[in-house]
Amino acid sequence: MRFGKKKVTEGEESRTKYNAKKALLNLETESVVEISNQQVKNLRERGLDPDRLIIFDSKLEAKYYLEELLPLVREQSVIVELQPKFTLVPKFEKDGMKHQAVTYSPDFKVTYFTGKVLLIDVKGTEDQKFPIKRKLFDYNFPQFPPLVVMKYVKKFGGWITFEEYTLKKREENKQKKAAAN
């Protein structure tokens, strides 16, 4: 069963495609809790109050919003749009075979009141598809600055870009190698 959905057995939690639960941020208490897809569905059916609760695809996204973006939103210096959708390759048909569109949704579109726009993606690790989607995005949307990919690394001081993380890891590995010799 290569492309089919795995059946969820009783008692088993439903997960997103990256095997991470959704996260619910309560803006009043500033707390983040993991929730199942069924709980998300129930919340949406009852009517989700966006001034009180926000649903994120992962706990890491909710943590970034809470720690980095919410203070800026509260001081009214930015507008944050959650998961804007960009079409990288439109749907098309070739020799009778239909191909779906290739889309990309960064986690946050942050618009400063100065007009500056940042597209931010929060990742624990980069998957294989991401570098290709990043190149397609940069090619198709030259009006936007390059994507900012954030990672939380406690030993490096918290939130850093993937580029900074890669440089610091290389430096750390060089130091370990030098110390071993």
C-alpha atoms as a PDB file:
ATOM      1  CA  MET A   1       0.000   0.000   0.000  1.00  0.00           C
ATOM      2  CA  ARG A   2       2.320   2.678  -1.287  1.00  0.00           C
ATOM      3  CA  PHE A   3       0.004   5.671  -1.545  1.00  0.00           C
ATOM      4  CA  GLY A   4      -3.029   4.606   0.467  1.00  0.00           C
ATOM      5  CA  LYS A   5      -3.804   5.861   3.934  1.00  0.00           C
ATOM      6  CA  LYS A   6      -2.892   3.637   6.833  1.00  0.00           C
ATOM      7  CA  LYS A   7      -5.955   2.543   8.758  1.00  0.00           C
ATOM      8  CA  VAL A   8      -6.016   3.913  12.268  1.00  0.00           C
ATOM      9  CA  THR A   9      -6.865   1.201  14.760  1.00  0.00           C
ATOM     10  CA  GLU A  10      -8.849   1.865  17.898  1.00  0.00           C
ATOM     11  CA  GLY A  11      -6.784   3.559  20.570  1.00  0.00           C
ATOM     12  CA  GLU A  12      -4.130   4.678  18.067  1.00  0.00           C
ATOM     13  CA  GLU A  13      -3.643   8.419  17.729  1.00  0.00           C
ATOM     14  CA  SER A  14      -4.133  10.057  14.335  1.00  0.00           C
ATOM     15  CA  ARG A  15      -0.974  11.846  13.133  1.00  0.00           C
ATOM     16  CA  THR A  16      -0.121  14.319  10.385  1.00  0.00           C
ATOM     17  CA  LYS A  17       2.006  13.303   7.396  1.00  0.00           C
ATOM     18  CA  TYR A  18       5.236  14.034   9.264  1.00  0.00           C
ATOM     19  CA  ASN A  19       4.107  11.923  12.238  1.00  0.00           C
ATOM     20  CA  ALA A  20       3.635  14.988  14.428  1.00  0.00           C
ATOM     21  CA  LYS A  21       0.493  15.903  16.303  1.00  0.00           C
ATOM     22  CA  LYS A  22      -1.192  19.240  15.788  1.00  0.00           C
ATOM     23  CA  ALA A  23      -0.699  21.879  18.467  1.00  0.00           C
ATOM     24  CA  LEU A  24      -3.210  24.249  20.023  1.00  0.00           C
ATOM     25  CA  LEU A  25      -2.010  27.620  21.301  1.00  0.00           C
ATOM     26  CA  ASN A  26      -4.216  29.291  23.889  1.00  0.00           C
ATOM     27  CA  LEU A  27      -3.484  33.012  23.592  1.00  0.00           C
ATOM     28  CA  GLU A  28      -5.014  33.828  26.993  1.00  0.00           C
ATOM     29  CA  THR A  29      -2.845  31.424  28.977  1.00  0.00           C
ATOM     30  CA  GLU A  30       0.006  31.339  26.423  1.00  0.00           C
ATOM     31  CA  SER A  31       0.072  27.557  26.690  1.00  0.00           C
ATOM     32  CA  VAL A  32       0.613  24.997  23.948  1.00  0.00           C
ATOM     33  CA  VAL A  33      -0.914  21.514  23.996  1.00  0.00           C
ATOM     34  CA  GLU A  34      -0.732  18.714  21.458  1.00  0.00           C
ATOM     35  CA  ILE A  35      -4.092  17.639  20.032  1.00  0.00           C
ATOM     36  CA  SER A  36      -5.254  14.879  17.716  1.00  0.00           C
ATOM     37  CA  ASN A  37      -6.811  15.412  14.302  1.00  0.00           C
ATOM     38  CA  GLN A  38     -10.184  14.360  15.767  1.00  0.00           C
ATOM     39  CA  GLN A  39      -9.887  17.063  18.439  1.00  0.00           C
ATOM     40  CA  VAL A  40      -9.055  19.612  15.717  1.00  0.00           C
ATOM     41  CA  LYS A  41     -12.164  18.544  13.799  1.00  0.00           C
ATOM     42  CA  ASN A  42     -14.314  18.846  16.942  1.00  0.00           C
ATOM     43  CA  LEU A  43     -12.938  22.317  17.700  1.00  0.00           C
ATOM     44  CA  ARG A  44     -13.626  23.521  14.169  1.00  0.00           C
ATOM     45  CA  GLU A  45     -17.176  22.100  14.215  1.00  0.00           C
ATOM     46  CA  ARG A  46     -17.927  23.949  17.466  1.00  0.00           C
ATOM     47  CA  GLY A  47     -16.453  27.170  16.105  1.00  0.00           C
ATOM     48  CA  LEU A  48     -12.889  28.083  16.897  1.00  0.00           C
ATOM     49  CA  ASP A  49     -12.361  31.561  18.379  1.00  0.00           C
ATOM     50  CA  PRO A  50      -9.243  32.850  16.514  1.00  0.00           C
ATOM     51  CA  ASP A  51      -8.762  35.606  19.110  1.00  0.00           C
ATOM     52  CA  ARG A  52      -8.292  32.915  21.783  1.00  0.00           C
ATOM     53  CA  LEU A  53      -7.078  29.720  20.082  1.00  0.00           C
ATOM     54  CA  ILE A  54      -4.786  29.000  17.121  1.00  0.00           C
ATOM     55  CA  ILE A  55      -4.117  25.554  15.649  1.00  0.00           C
ATOM     56  CA  PHE A  56      -0.633  24.803  14.293  1.00  0.00           C
ATOM     57  CA  ASP A  57       0.711  21.780  12.422  1.00  0.00           C
ATOM     58  CA  SER A  58       3.324  21.136  15.110  1.00  0.00           C
ATOM     59  CA  LYS A  59       4.295  22.066  18.621  1.00  0.00           C
ATOM     60  CA  LEU A  60       7.500  23.604  17.236  1.00  0.00           C
ATOM     61  CA  GLU A  61       5.510  26.021  15.013  1.00  0.00           C
ATOM     62  CA  ALA A  62       3.330  27.019  17.976  1.00  0.00           C
ATOM     63  CA  LYS A  63       6.443  27.568  20.119  1.00  0.00           C
ATOM     64  CA  TYR A  64       8.005  29.813  17.454  1.00  0.00           C
ATOM     65  CA  TYR A  65       4.807  31.847  17.106  1.00  0.00           C
ATOM     66  CA  LEU A  66       4.464  32.188  20.881  1.00  0.00           C
ATOM     67  CA  GLU A  67       8.095  33.153  21.550  1.00  0.00           C
ATOM     68  CA  GLU A  68       9.069  35.147  18.461  1.00  0.00           C
ATOM     69  CA  LEU A  69       5.989  36.438  16.616  1.00  0.00           C
ATOM     70  CA  LEU A  70       3.278  36.947  19.254  1.00  0.00           C
ATOM     71  CA  PRO A  71       5.200  39.751  21.048  1.00  0.00           C
ATOM     72  CA  LEU A  72       5.533  41.576  17.691  1.00  0.00           C
ATOM     73  CA  VAL A  73       1.830  41.040  16.929  1.00  0.00           C
ATOM     74  CA  ARG A  74       0.845  42.386  20.346  1.00  0.00           C
ATOM     75  CA  GLU A  75       2.953  45.510  19.918  1.00  0.00           C
ATOM     76  CA  GLN A  76       1.302  45.870  16.484  1.00  0.00           C
ATOM     77  CA  SER A  77       4.525  45.983  14.486  1.00  0.00           C
ATOM     78  CA  VAL A  78       3.718  43.008  12.223  1.00  0.00           C
ATOM     79  CA  ILE A  79       0.856  41.166  10.568  1.00  0.00           C
ATOM     80  CA  VAL A  80       1.238  37.380  10.541  1.00  0.00           C
ATOM     81  CA  GLU A  81      -0.503  35.172   7.990  1.00  0.00           C
ATOM     82  CA  LEU A  82      -0.478  31.452   8.771  1.00  0.00           C
ATOM     83  CA  GLN A  83       0.484  29.043   5.978  1.00  0.00           C
ATOM     84  CA  PRO A  84      -0.023  31.124   2.820  1.00  0.00           C
ATOM     85  CA  LYS A  85      -0.182  28.874  -0.243  1.00  0.00           C
ATOM     86  CA  PHE A  86       2.055  29.336  -3.285  1.00  0.00           C
ATOM     87  CA  THR A  87       1.762  27.345  -6.517  1.00  0.00           C
ATOM     88  CA  LEU A  88       5.224  26.309  -7.659  1.00  0.00           C
ATOM     89  CA  VAL A  89       4.119  24.291 -10.702  1.00  0.00           C
ATOM     90  CA  PRO A  90       0.533  24.586 -11.983  1.00  0.00           C
ATOM     91  CA  LYS A  91      -1.506  21.469 -12.696  1.00  0.00           C
ATOM     92  CA  PHE A  92      -1.073  20.196 -16.232  1.00  0.00           C
ATOM     93  CA  GLU A  93      -1.796  17.307 -18.554  1.00  0.00           C
ATOM     94  CA  LYS A  94       0.718  15.476 -20.716  1.00  0.00           C
ATOM     95  CA  ASP A  95      -0.144  12.597 -23.057  1.00  0.00           C
ATOM     96  CA  GLY A  96      -3.476  12.106 -21.307  1.00  0.00           C
ATOM     97  CA  MET A  97      -1.870  11.893 -17.850  1.00  0.00           C
ATOM     98  CA  LYS A  98      -3.022  14.543 -15.406  1.00  0.00           C
ATOM     99  CA  HIS A  99      -0.513  15.999 -12.960  1.00  0.00           C
ATOM    100  CA  GLN A 100      -1.491  17.811  -9.788  1.00  0.00           C
ATOM    101  CA  ALA A 101      -0.128  21.259  -9.018  1.00  0.00           C
ATOM    102  CA  VAL A 102       2.956  21.442  -6.811  1.00  0.00           C
ATOM    103  CA  THR A 103       2.326  23.862  -3.957  1.00  0.00           C
ATOM    104  CA  TYR A 104       4.327  25.155  -1.044  1.00  0.00           C
ATOM    105  CA  SER A 105       3.065  26.707   2.166  1.00  0.00           C
ATOM    106  CA  PRO A 106       5.622  28.290   4.484  1.00  0.00           C
ATOM    107  CA  ASP A 107       4.525  28.333   8.111  1.00  0.00           C
ATOM    108  CA  PHE A 108       4.338  32.132   8.409  1.00  0.00           C
ATOM    109  CA  LYS A 109       4.179  35.192   6.196  1.00  0.00           C
ATOM    110  CA  VAL A 110       5.294  38.109   8.354  1.00  0.00           C
ATOM    111  CA  THR A 111       4.578  41.590   7.013  1.00  0.00           C
ATOM    112  CA  TYR A 112       6.177  44.496   8.850  1.00  0.00           C
ATOM    113  CA  PHE A 113       4.511  47.892   8.706  1.00  0.00           C
ATOM    114  CA  THR A 114       7.592  49.184   6.901  1.00  0.00           C
ATOM    115  CA  GLY A 115       6.517  46.950   3.989  1.00  0.00           C
ATOM    116  CA  LYS A 116       9.204  44.298   4.537  1.00  0.00           C
ATOM    117  CA  VAL A 117       7.910  40.728   4.089  1.00  0.00           C
ATOM    118  CA  LEU A 118       9.486  37.554   5.494  1.00  0.00           C
ATOM    119  CA  LEU A 119       8.421  34.007   4.739  1.00  0.00           C
ATOM    120  CA  ILE A 120       9.366  31.746   7.614  1.00  0.00           C
ATOM    121  CA  ASP A 121       9.376  27.976   7.837  1.00  0.00           C
ATOM    122  CA  VAL A 122      10.005  26.237  11.159  1.00  0.00           C
ATOM    123  CA  LYS A 123      11.637  22.820  10.895  1.00  0.00           C
ATOM    124  CA  GLY A 124      13.088  20.247  13.226  1.00  0.00           C
ATOM    125  CA  THR A 125      14.957  18.710  10.296  1.00  0.00           C
ATOM    126  CA  GLU A 126      14.838  19.330   6.564  1.00  0.00           C
ATOM    127  CA  ASP A 127      13.169  16.589   4.547  1.00  0.00           C
ATOM    128  CA  GLN A 128      14.363  15.553   1.072  1.00  0.00           C
ATOM    129  CA  LYS A 129      11.758  17.620  -0.784  1.00  0.00           C
ATOM    130  CA  PHE A 130      12.462  20.918   0.922  1.00  0.00           C
ATOM    131  CA  PRO A 131      15.629  22.037  -0.957  1.00  0.00           C
ATOM    132  CA  ILE A 132      13.852  21.485  -4.289  1.00  0.00           C
ATOM    133  CA  LYS A 133      10.730  23.348  -3.179  1.00  0.00           C
ATOM    134  CA  ARG A 134      12.915  26.150  -1.840  1.00  0.00           C
ATOM    135  CA  LYS A 135      14.653  26.542  -5.226  1.00  0.00           C
ATOM    136  CA  LEU A 136      11.332  26.441  -7.095  1.00  0.00           C
ATOM    137  CA  PHE A 137       9.904  29.044  -4.720  1.00  0.00           C
ATOM    138  CA  ASP A 138      12.898  31.376  -5.143  1.00  0.00           C
ATOM    139  CA  TYR A 139      12.713  30.984  -8.936  1.00  0.00           C
ATOM    140  CA  ASN A 140       8.939  31.527  -9.224  1.00  0.00           C
ATOM    141  CA  PHE A 141       8.631  34.327  -6.671  1.00  0.00           C
ATOM    142  CA  PRO A 142      11.618  36.673  -7.105  1.00  0.00           C
ATOM    143  CA  GLN A 143       9.622  39.511  -5.501  1.00  0.00           C
ATOM    144  CA  PHE A 144       9.993  37.829  -2.085  1.00  0.00           C
ATOM    145  CA  PRO A 145      13.261  37.594  -0.167  1.00  0.00           C
ATOM    146  CA  PRO A 146      14.703  34.086   0.288  1.00  0.00           C
ATOM    147  CA  LEU A 147      12.851  31.835   2.702  1.00  0.00           C
ATOM    148  CA  VAL A 148      13.949  31.955   6.322  1.00  0.00           C
ATOM    149  CA  VAL A 149      14.120  28.466   7.812  1.00  0.00           C
ATOM    150  CA  MET A 150      14.233  28.457  11.602  1.00  0.00           C
ATOM    151  CA  LYS A 151      15.322  25.699  13.959  1.00  0.00           C
ATOM    152  CA  TYR A 152      15.290  25.557  17.762  1.00  0.00           C
ATOM    153  CA  VAL A 153      18.644  24.469  19.195  1.00  0.00           C
ATOM    154  CA  LYS A 154      19.007  25.012  22.925  1.00  0.00           C
ATOM    155  CA  LYS A 155      22.811  24.661  22.998  1.00  0.00           C
ATOM    156  CA  PHE A 156      23.163  27.396  20.354  1.00  0.00           C
ATOM    157  CA  GLY A 157      20.916  29.845  22.212  1.00  0.00           C
ATOM    158  CA  GLY A 158      17.428  28.963  20.960  1.00  0.00           C
ATOM    159  CA  TRP A 159      15.989  29.980  17.581  1.00  0.00           C
ATOM    160  CA  ILE A 160      18.549  30.125  14.762  1.00  0.00           C
ATOM    161  CA  THR A 161      18.348  29.832  10.998  1.00  0.00           C
ATOM    162  CA  PHE A 162      19.246  26.531   9.337  1.00  0.00           C
ATOM    163  CA  GLU A 163      22.216  28.249   7.706  1.00  0.00           C
ATOM    164  CA  GLU A 164      23.526  29.396  11.108  1.00  0.00           C
ATOM    165  CA  TYR A 165      22.923  25.914  12.502  1.00  0.00           C
ATOM    166  CA  THR A 166      24.894  24.282   9.670  1.00  0.00           C
ATOM    167  CA  LEU A 167      27.838  26.655  10.190  1.00  0.00           C
ATOM    168  CA  LYS A 168      27.862  26.148  13.961  1.00  0.00           C
ATOM    169  CA  LYS A 169      27.671  22.349  13.580  1.00  0.00           C
ATOM    170  CA  ARG A 170      30.597  22.390  11.119  1.00  0.00           C
ATOM    171  CA  GLU A 171      32.633  24.518  13.510  1.00  0.00           C
ATOM    172  CA  GLU A 172      31.736  22.241  16.413  1.00  0.00           C
ATOM    173  CA  ASN A 173      32.766  19.151  14.402  1.00  0.00           C
ATOM    174  CA  LYS A 174      36.091  20.807  13.426  1.00  0.00           C
ATOM    175  CA  GLN A 175      36.806  21.544  17.091  1.00  0.00           C
ATOM    176  CA  LYS A 176      35.972  17.961  18.087  1.00  0.00           C
ATOM    177  CA  LYS A 177      38.241  16.624  15.339  1.00  0.00           C
ATOM    178  CA  ALA A 178      41.090  18.962  16.366  1.00  0.00           C
ATOM    179  CA  ALA A 179      40.697  17.961  20.021  1.00  0.00           C
ATOM    180  CA  ALA A 180      40.802  14.259  19.082  1.00  0.00           C
ATOM    181  CA  ASN A 181      44.127  14.685  17.204  1.00  0.00           C
END
